[in-house]
Amino acid sequence: MRELSLNVLDIAQNSITANASLITVEVIEDTALHTLSIDIIDNGKGMSEEQLLSVRDPFFTTRTTRKVGMGLPLFKLAA
């Protein structure tokens, strides 16, 4: 849970960097499937089609400083 929490905070920080003024984190429990889903929704600048296709690639990043692209892959792994 700690890793998931840290990843949620990292993604929220990315949202702020993308000029988001609203960030919503939803945790949805499906008792029938015994799963939790975490949705992070913001109103930032969004992603291009190319970025959406590459977002789970651990070596892809759009950052110009601290070029780390592990956010979503680590989030998925921690889940």
PDB file of N, CA and C in Angstrom:
ATOM      1  N   MET A   1       0.822  -1.198   0.000  1.00  0.00           N
ATOM      2  CA  MET A   1       0.000   0.000   0.000  1.00  0.00           C
ATOM      3  C   MET A   1       0.864   1.259   0.000  1.00  0.00           C
ATOM      4  N   ARG A   2       2.009   1.181   0.664  1.00  0.00           N
ATOM      5  CA  ARG A   2       2.882   2.361   0.707  1.00  0.00           C
ATOM      6  C   ARG A   2       3.361   2.733  -0.698  1.00  0.00           C
ATOM      7  N   GLU A   3       3.783   1.722  -1.468  1.00  0.00           N
ATOM      8  CA  GLU A   3       4.242   1.974  -2.833  1.00  0.00           C
ATOM      9  C   GLU A   3       3.123   2.561  -3.688  1.00  0.00           C
ATOM     10  N   LEU A   4       1.919   2.012  -3.546  1.00  0.00           N
ATOM     11  CA  LEU A   4       0.788   2.552  -4.297  1.00  0.00           C
ATOM     12  C   LEU A   4       0.540   4.010  -3.930  1.00  0.00           C
ATOM     13  N   SER A   5       0.594   4.304  -2.643  1.00  0.00           N
ATOM     14  CA  SER A   5       0.373   5.682  -2.183  1.00  0.00           C
ATOM     15  C   SER A   5       1.420   6.627  -2.751  1.00  0.00           C
ATOM     16  N   LEU A   6       2.676   6.211  -2.742  1.00  0.00           N
ATOM     17  CA  LEU A   6       3.740   7.056  -3.286  1.00  0.00           C
ATOM     18  C   LEU A   6       3.568   7.270  -4.785  1.00  0.00           C
ATOM     19  N   ASN A   7       3.132   6.237  -5.492  1.00  0.00           N
ATOM     20  CA  ASN A   7       2.894   6.375  -6.927  1.00  0.00           C
ATOM     21  C   ASN A   7       1.717   7.301  -7.216  1.00  0.00           C
ATOM     22  N   VAL A   8       0.662   7.228  -6.405  1.00  0.00           N
ATOM     23  CA  VAL A   8      -0.469   8.147  -6.571  1.00  0.00           C
ATOM     24  C   VAL A   8       0.006   9.584  -6.388  1.00  0.00           C
ATOM     25  N   LEU A   9       0.837   9.822  -5.372  1.00  0.00           N
ATOM     26  CA  LEU A   9       1.366  11.171  -5.143  1.00  0.00           C
ATOM     27  C   LEU A   9       2.239  11.633  -6.304  1.00  0.00           C
ATOM     28  N   ASP A  10       3.040  10.735  -6.865  1.00  0.00           N
ATOM     29  CA  ASP A  10       3.890  11.089  -8.006  1.00  0.00           C
ATOM     30  C   ASP A  10       3.044  11.459  -9.223  1.00  0.00           C
ATOM     31  N   ILE A  11       2.007  10.687  -9.468  1.00  0.00           N
ATOM     32  CA  ILE A  11       1.124  10.982 -10.599  1.00  0.00           C
ATOM     33  C   ILE A  11       0.388  12.301 -10.366  1.00  0.00           C
ATOM     34  N   ALA A  12      -0.030  12.554  -9.131  1.00  0.00           N
ATOM     35  CA  ALA A  12      -0.677  13.835  -8.814  1.00  0.00           C
ATOM     36  C   ALA A  12       0.286  14.996  -9.040  1.00  0.00           C
ATOM     37  N   GLN A  13       1.550  14.815  -8.671  1.00  0.00           N
ATOM     38  CA  GLN A  13       2.553  15.856  -8.914  1.00  0.00           C
ATOM     39  C   GLN A  13       2.710  16.107 -10.413  1.00  0.00           C
ATOM     40  N   ASN A  14       2.693  15.053 -11.203  1.00  0.00           N
ATOM     41  CA  ASN A  14       2.752  15.211 -12.663  1.00  0.00           C
ATOM     42  C   ASN A  14       1.544  15.994 -13.171  1.00  0.00           C
ATOM     43  N   SER A  15       0.392  15.759 -12.570  1.00  0.00           N
ATOM     44  CA  SER A  15      -0.813  16.492 -12.959  1.00  0.00           C
ATOM     45  C   SER A  15      -0.661  17.978 -12.679  1.00  0.00           C
ATOM     46  N   ILE A  16      -0.090  18.301 -11.542  1.00  0.00           N
ATOM     47  CA  ILE A  16       0.134  19.707 -11.192  1.00  0.00           C
ATOM     48  C   ILE A  16       1.096  20.339 -12.188  1.00  0.00           C
ATOM     49  N   THR A  17       2.143  19.607 -12.541  1.00  0.00           N
ATOM     50  CA  THR A  17       3.105  20.093 -13.534  1.00  0.00           C
ATOM     51  C   THR A  17       2.425  20.327 -14.887  1.00  0.00           C
ATOM     52  N   ALA A  18       1.385  19.546 -15.181  1.00  0.00           N
ATOM     53  CA  ALA A  18       0.634  19.688 -16.437  1.00  0.00           C
ATOM     54  C   ALA A  18      -0.480  20.729 -16.307  1.00  0.00           C
ATOM     55  N   ASN A  19      -0.350  21.597 -15.305  1.00  0.00           N
ATOM     56  CA  ASN A  19      -1.288  22.708 -15.088  1.00  0.00           C
ATOM     57  C   ASN A  19      -2.694  22.277 -14.705  1.00  0.00           C
ATOM     58  N   ALA A  20      -2.837  21.128 -14.069  1.00  0.00           N
ATOM     59  CA  ALA A  20      -4.157  20.706 -13.601  1.00  0.00           C
ATOM     60  C   ALA A  20      -4.563  21.547 -12.395  1.00  0.00           C
ATOM     61  N   SER A  21      -5.811  21.958 -12.378  1.00  0.00           N
ATOM     62  CA  SER A  21      -6.339  22.676 -11.219  1.00  0.00           C
ATOM     63  C   SER A  21      -7.285  21.788 -10.420  1.00  0.00           C
ATOM     64  N   LEU A  22      -7.601  20.615 -10.971  1.00  0.00           N
ATOM     65  CA  LEU A  22      -8.480  19.665 -10.302  1.00  0.00           C
ATOM     66  C   LEU A  22      -7.924  18.261 -10.511  1.00  0.00           C
ATOM     67  N   ILE A  23      -7.703  17.553  -9.416  1.00  0.00           N
ATOM     68  CA  ILE A  23      -7.225  16.165  -9.471  1.00  0.00           C
ATOM     69  C   ILE A  23      -8.160  15.335  -8.605  1.00  0.00           C
ATOM     70  N   THR A  24      -8.720  14.287  -9.177  1.00  0.00           N
ATOM     71  CA  THR A  24      -9.625  13.410  -8.451  1.00  0.00           C
ATOM     72  C   THR A  24      -9.011  12.016  -8.397  1.00  0.00           C
ATOM     73  N   VAL A  25      -8.975  11.441  -7.201  1.00  0.00           N
ATOM     74  CA  VAL A  25      -8.501  10.066  -7.024  1.00  0.00           C
ATOM     75  C   VAL A  25      -9.692   9.254  -6.532  1.00  0.00           C
ATOM     76  N   GLU A  26     -10.062   8.247  -7.296  1.00  0.00           N
ATOM     77  CA  GLU A  26     -11.184   7.386  -6.941  1.00  0.00           C
ATOM     78  C   GLU A  26     -10.676   5.970  -6.700  1.00  0.00           C
ATOM     79  N   VAL A  27     -11.087   5.384  -5.596  1.00  0.00           N
ATOM     80  CA  VAL A  27     -10.780   3.981  -5.306  1.00  0.00           C
ATOM     81  C   VAL A  27     -12.109   3.238  -5.363  1.00  0.00           C
ATOM     82  N   ILE A  28     -12.192   2.273  -6.262  1.00  0.00           N
ATOM     83  CA  ILE A  28     -13.444   1.564  -6.505  1.00  0.00           C
ATOM     84  C   ILE A  28     -13.247   0.092  -6.162  1.00  0.00           C
ATOM     85  N   GLU A  29     -14.076  -0.411  -5.263  1.00  0.00           N
ATOM     86  CA  GLU A  29     -14.005  -1.811  -4.856  1.00  0.00           C
ATOM     87  C   GLU A  29     -15.069  -2.615  -5.599  1.00  0.00           C
ATOM     88  N   ASP A  30     -14.647  -3.718  -6.180  1.00  0.00           N
ATOM     89  CA  ASP A  30     -15.577  -4.654  -6.808  1.00  0.00           C
ATOM     90  C   ASP A  30     -15.536  -5.932  -5.979  1.00  0.00           C
ATOM     91  N   THR A  31     -16.512  -6.074  -5.086  1.00  0.00           N
ATOM     92  CA  THR A  31     -16.509  -7.228  -4.183  1.00  0.00           C
ATOM     93  C   THR A  31     -16.752  -8.537  -4.929  1.00  0.00           C
ATOM     94  N   ALA A  32     -17.478  -8.480  -6.035  1.00  0.00           N
ATOM     95  CA  ALA A  32     -17.743  -9.701  -6.805  1.00  0.00           C
ATOM     96  C   ALA A  32     -16.463 -10.242  -7.434  1.00  0.00           C
ATOM     97  N   LEU A  33     -15.607  -9.334  -7.911  1.00  0.00           N
ATOM     98  CA  LEU A  33     -14.352  -9.751  -8.543  1.00  0.00           C
ATOM     99  C   LEU A  33     -13.163  -9.698  -7.586  1.00  0.00           C
ATOM    100  N   HIS A  34     -13.392  -9.222  -6.359  1.00  0.00           N
ATOM    101  CA  HIS A  34     -12.330  -9.087  -5.357  1.00  0.00           C
ATOM    102  C   HIS A  34     -11.193  -8.209  -5.876  1.00  0.00           C
ATOM    103  N   THR A  35     -11.554  -7.058  -6.432  1.00  0.00           N
ATOM    104  CA  THR A  35     -10.551  -6.143  -6.982  1.00  0.00           C
ATOM    105  C   THR A  35     -10.782  -4.715  -6.497  1.00  0.00           C
ATOM    106  N   LEU A  36      -9.718  -3.947  -6.549  1.00  0.00           N
ATOM    107  CA  LEU A  36      -9.781  -2.501  -6.339  1.00  0.00           C
ATOM    108  C   LEU A  36      -9.268  -1.839  -7.611  1.00  0.00           C
ATOM    109  N   SER A  37      -9.919  -0.782  -8.018  1.00  0.00           N
ATOM    110  CA  SER A  37      -9.443   0.025  -9.143  1.00  0.00           C
ATOM    111  C   SER A  37      -9.128   1.409  -8.611  1.00  0.00           C
ATOM    112  N   ILE A  38      -8.048   1.985  -9.101  1.00  0.00           N
ATOM    113  CA  ILE A  38      -7.683   3.345  -8.724  1.00  0.00           C
ATOM    114  C   ILE A  38      -7.698   4.183  -9.992  1.00  0.00           C
ATOM    115  N   ASP A  39      -8.576   5.181 -10.013  1.00  0.00           N
ATOM    116  CA  ASP A  39      -8.666   6.108 -11.140  1.00  0.00           C
ATOM    117  C   ASP A  39      -8.127   7.452 -10.689  1.00  0.00           C
ATOM    118  N   ILE A  40      -7.208   8.001 -11.463  1.00  0.00           N
ATOM    119  CA  ILE A  40      -6.666   9.328 -11.194  1.00  0.00           C
ATOM    120  C   ILE A  40      -7.032  10.190 -12.396  1.00  0.00           C
ATOM    121  N   ILE A  41      -7.857  11.189 -12.154  1.00  0.00           N
ATOM    122  CA  ILE A  41      -8.406  12.016 -13.227  1.00  0.00           C
ATOM    123  C   ILE A  41      -8.028  13.466 -12.957  1.00  0.00           C
ATOM    124  N   ASP A  42      -7.539  14.150 -13.993  1.00  0.00           N
ATOM    125  CA  ASP A  42      -7.211  15.566 -13.821  1.00  0.00           C
ATOM    126  C   ASP A  42      -7.661  16.361 -15.037  1.00  0.00           C
ATOM    127  N   ASN A  43      -7.568  17.658 -14.915  1.00  0.00           N
ATOM    128  CA  ASN A  43      -7.917  18.534 -16.034  1.00  0.00           C
ATOM    129  C   ASN A  43      -6.670  19.232 -16.574  1.00  0.00           C
ATOM    130  N   GLY A  44      -5.554  18.516 -16.557  1.00  0.00           N
ATOM    131  CA  GLY A  44      -4.288  19.043 -17.075  1.00  0.00           C
ATOM    132  C   GLY A  44      -4.292  19.113 -18.593  1.00  0.00           C
ATOM    133  N   LYS A  45      -3.103  19.298 -19.159  1.00  0.00           N
ATOM    134  CA  LYS A  45      -3.007  19.525 -20.606  1.00  0.00           C
ATOM    135  C   LYS A  45      -3.282  18.286 -21.448  1.00  0.00           C
ATOM    136  N   GLY A  46      -3.345  17.118 -20.850  1.00  0.00           N
ATOM    137  CA  GLY A  46      -3.667  15.901 -21.589  1.00  0.00           C
ATOM    138  C   GLY A  46      -2.455  15.289 -22.271  1.00  0.00           C
ATOM    139  N   MET A  47      -2.706  14.188 -22.983  1.00  0.00           N
ATOM    140  CA  MET A  47      -1.644  13.470 -23.677  1.00  0.00           C
ATOM    141  C   MET A  47      -2.018  13.299 -25.140  1.00  0.00           C
ATOM    142  N   SER A  48      -1.010  13.301 -25.980  1.00  0.00           N
ATOM    143  CA  SER A  48      -1.229  13.050 -27.408  1.00  0.00           C
ATOM    144  C   SER A  48      -1.502  11.556 -27.614  1.00  0.00           C
ATOM    145  N   GLU A  49      -1.950  11.212 -28.809  1.00  0.00           N
ATOM    146  CA  GLU A  49      -2.196   9.807 -29.147  1.00  0.00           C
ATOM    147  C   GLU A  49      -0.915   8.981 -28.992  1.00  0.00           C
ATOM    148  N   GLU A  50       0.217   9.539 -29.428  1.00  0.00           N
ATOM    149  CA  GLU A  50       1.507   8.850 -29.305  1.00  0.00           C
ATOM    150  C   GLU A  50       1.857   8.610 -27.837  1.00  0.00           C
ATOM    151  N   GLN A  51       1.629   9.608 -26.997  1.00  0.00           N
ATOM    152  CA  GLN A  51       1.918   9.459 -25.573  1.00  0.00           C
ATOM    153  C   GLN A  51       1.030   8.391 -24.951  1.00  0.00           C
ATOM    154  N   LEU A  52      -0.241   8.370 -25.310  1.00  0.00           N
ATOM    155  CA  LEU A  52      -1.150   7.358 -24.779  1.00  0.00           C
ATOM    156  C   LEU A  52      -0.700   5.950 -25.146  1.00  0.00           C
ATOM    157  N   LEU A  53      -0.174   5.784 -26.351  1.00  0.00           N
ATOM    158  CA  LEU A  53       0.296   4.467 -26.786  1.00  0.00           C
ATOM    159  C   LEU A  53       1.569   4.041 -26.054  1.00  0.00           C
ATOM    160  N   SER A  54       2.357   5.008 -25.579  1.00  0.00           N
ATOM    161  CA  SER A  54       3.651   4.717 -24.952  1.00  0.00           C
ATOM    162  C   SER A  54       3.635   4.818 -23.431  1.00  0.00           C
ATOM    163  N   VAL A  55       2.514   5.188 -22.844  1.00  0.00           N
ATOM    164  CA  VAL A  55       2.467   5.547 -21.429  1.00  0.00           C
ATOM    165  C   VAL A  55       2.887   4.405 -20.488  1.00  0.00           C
ATOM    166  N   ARG A  56       2.741   3.164 -20.907  1.00  0.00           N
ATOM    167  CA  ARG A  56       3.129   2.033 -20.049  1.00  0.00           C
ATOM    168  C   ARG A  56       4.545   1.538 -20.311  1.00  0.00           C
ATOM    169  N   ASP A  57       5.232   2.156 -21.250  1.00  0.00           N
ATOM    170  CA  ASP A  57       6.626   1.817 -21.546  1.00  0.00           C
ATOM    171  C   ASP A  57       7.508   2.418 -20.455  1.00  0.00           C
ATOM    172  N   PRO A  58       8.261   1.592 -19.704  1.00  0.00           N
ATOM    173  CA  PRO A  58       9.063   2.124 -18.598  1.00  0.00           C
ATOM    174  C   PRO A  58      10.185   3.065 -19.031  1.00  0.00           C
ATOM    175  N   PHE A  59      10.502   3.096 -20.324  1.00  0.00           N
ATOM    176  CA  PHE A  59      11.586   3.961 -20.796  1.00  0.00           C
ATOM    177  C   PHE A  59      11.066   5.198 -21.519  1.00  0.00           C
ATOM    178  N   PHE A  60       9.757   5.388 -21.504  1.00  0.00           N
ATOM    179  CA  PHE A  60       9.157   6.558 -22.149  1.00  0.00           C
ATOM    180  C   PHE A  60       8.918   7.652 -21.113  1.00  0.00           C
ATOM    181  N   THR A  61       9.287   8.873 -21.448  1.00  0.00           N
ATOM    182  CA  THR A  61       8.995  10.018 -20.589  1.00  0.00           C
ATOM    183  C   THR A  61       8.906  11.277 -21.431  1.00  0.00           C
ATOM    184  N   THR A  62       8.159  12.229 -20.947  1.00  0.00           N
ATOM    185  CA  THR A  62       8.097  13.539 -21.593  1.00  0.00           C
ATOM    186  C   THR A  62       8.821  14.579 -20.749  1.00  0.00           C
ATOM    187  N   ARG A  63       9.358  14.155 -19.629  1.00  0.00           N
ATOM    188  CA  ARG A  63      10.056  15.087 -18.738  1.00  0.00           C
ATOM    189  C   ARG A  63      11.349  15.580 -19.372  1.00  0.00           C
ATOM    190  N   THR A  64      11.666  16.834 -19.105  1.00  0.00           N
ATOM    191  CA  THR A  64      12.928  17.389 -19.590  1.00  0.00           C
ATOM    192  C   THR A  64      13.976  17.407 -18.489  1.00  0.00           C
ATOM    193  N   THR A  65      13.536  17.341 -17.245  1.00  0.00           N
ATOM    194  CA  THR A  65      14.445  17.193 -16.112  1.00  0.00           C
ATOM    195  C   THR A  65      14.036  15.924 -15.376  1.00  0.00           C
ATOM    196  N   ARG A  66      14.973  15.300 -14.710  1.00  0.00           N
ATOM    197  CA  ARG A  66      14.719  14.039 -14.005  1.00  0.00           C
ATOM    198  C   ARG A  66      13.979  13.075 -14.923  1.00  0.00           C
ATOM    199  N   LYS A  67      14.650  12.705 -15.987  1.00  0.00           N
ATOM    200  CA  LYS A  67      14.032  11.896 -17.040  1.00  0.00           C
ATOM    201  C   LYS A  67      13.781  10.469 -16.578  1.00  0.00           C
ATOM    202  N   VAL A  68      12.704  10.297 -15.845  1.00  0.00           N
ATOM    203  CA  VAL A  68      12.300   8.991 -15.342  1.00  0.00           C
ATOM    204  C   VAL A  68      10.921   8.698 -15.905  1.00  0.00           C
ATOM    205  N   GLY A  69      10.757   7.536 -16.509  1.00  0.00           N
ATOM    206  CA  GLY A  69       9.476   7.185 -17.095  1.00  0.00           C
ATOM    207  C   GLY A  69       8.821   5.992 -16.435  1.00  0.00           C
ATOM    208  N   MET A  70       9.125   5.739 -15.182  1.00  0.00           N
ATOM    209  CA  MET A  70       8.662   4.517 -14.532  1.00  0.00           C
ATOM    210  C   MET A  70       7.348   4.674 -13.770  1.00  0.00           C
ATOM    211  N   GLY A  71       6.733   5.842 -13.778  1.00  0.00           N
ATOM    212  CA  GLY A  71       5.541   6.103 -12.968  1.00  0.00           C
ATOM    213  C   GLY A  71       4.424   5.086 -13.125  1.00  0.00           C
ATOM    214  N   LEU A  72       3.842   4.993 -14.299  1.00  0.00           N
ATOM    215  CA  LEU A  72       2.727   4.074 -14.498  1.00  0.00           C
ATOM    216  C   LEU A  72       3.146   2.609 -14.497  1.00  0.00           C
ATOM    217  N   PRO A  73       4.294   2.230 -15.085  1.00  0.00           N
ATOM    218  CA  PRO A  73       4.705   0.823 -14.977  1.00  0.00           C
ATOM    219  C   PRO A  73       4.912   0.380 -13.520  1.00  0.00           C
ATOM    220  N   LEU A  74       5.511   1.237 -12.692  1.00  0.00           N
ATOM    221  CA  LEU A  74       5.691   0.884 -11.281  1.00  0.00           C
ATOM    222  C   LEU A  74       4.358   0.849 -10.552  1.00  0.00           C
ATOM    223  N   PHE A  75       3.472   1.760 -10.912  1.00  0.00           N
ATOM    224  CA  PHE A  75       2.138   1.781 -10.315  1.00  0.00           C
ATOM    225  C   PHE A  75       1.421   0.467 -10.599  1.00  0.00           C
ATOM    226  N   LYS A  76       1.485   0.017 -11.839  1.00  0.00           N
ATOM    227  CA  LYS A  76       0.852  -1.247 -12.220  1.00  0.00           C
ATOM    228  C   LYS A  76       1.497  -2.420 -11.483  1.00  0.00           C
ATOM    229  N   LEU A  77       2.824  -2.406 -11.373  1.00  0.00           N
ATOM    230  CA  LEU A  77       3.535  -3.477 -10.681  1.00  0.00           C
ATOM    231  C   LEU A  77       3.169  -3.516  -9.199  1.00  0.00           C
ATOM    232  N   ALA A  78       3.077  -2.346  -8.567  1.00  0.00           N
ATOM    233  CA  ALA A  78       2.750  -2.281  -7.143  1.00  0.00           C
ATOM    234  C   ALA A  78       1.323  -2.737  -6.874  1.00  0.00           C
ATOM    235  N   ALA A  79       0.465  -2.551  -7.863  1.00  0.00           N
ATOM    236  CA  ALA A  79      -0.936  -2.949  -7.689  1.00  0.00           C
ATOM    237  C   ALA A  79      -1.035  -4.461  -7.676  1.00  0.00           C
TER     238      ALA A  79
END
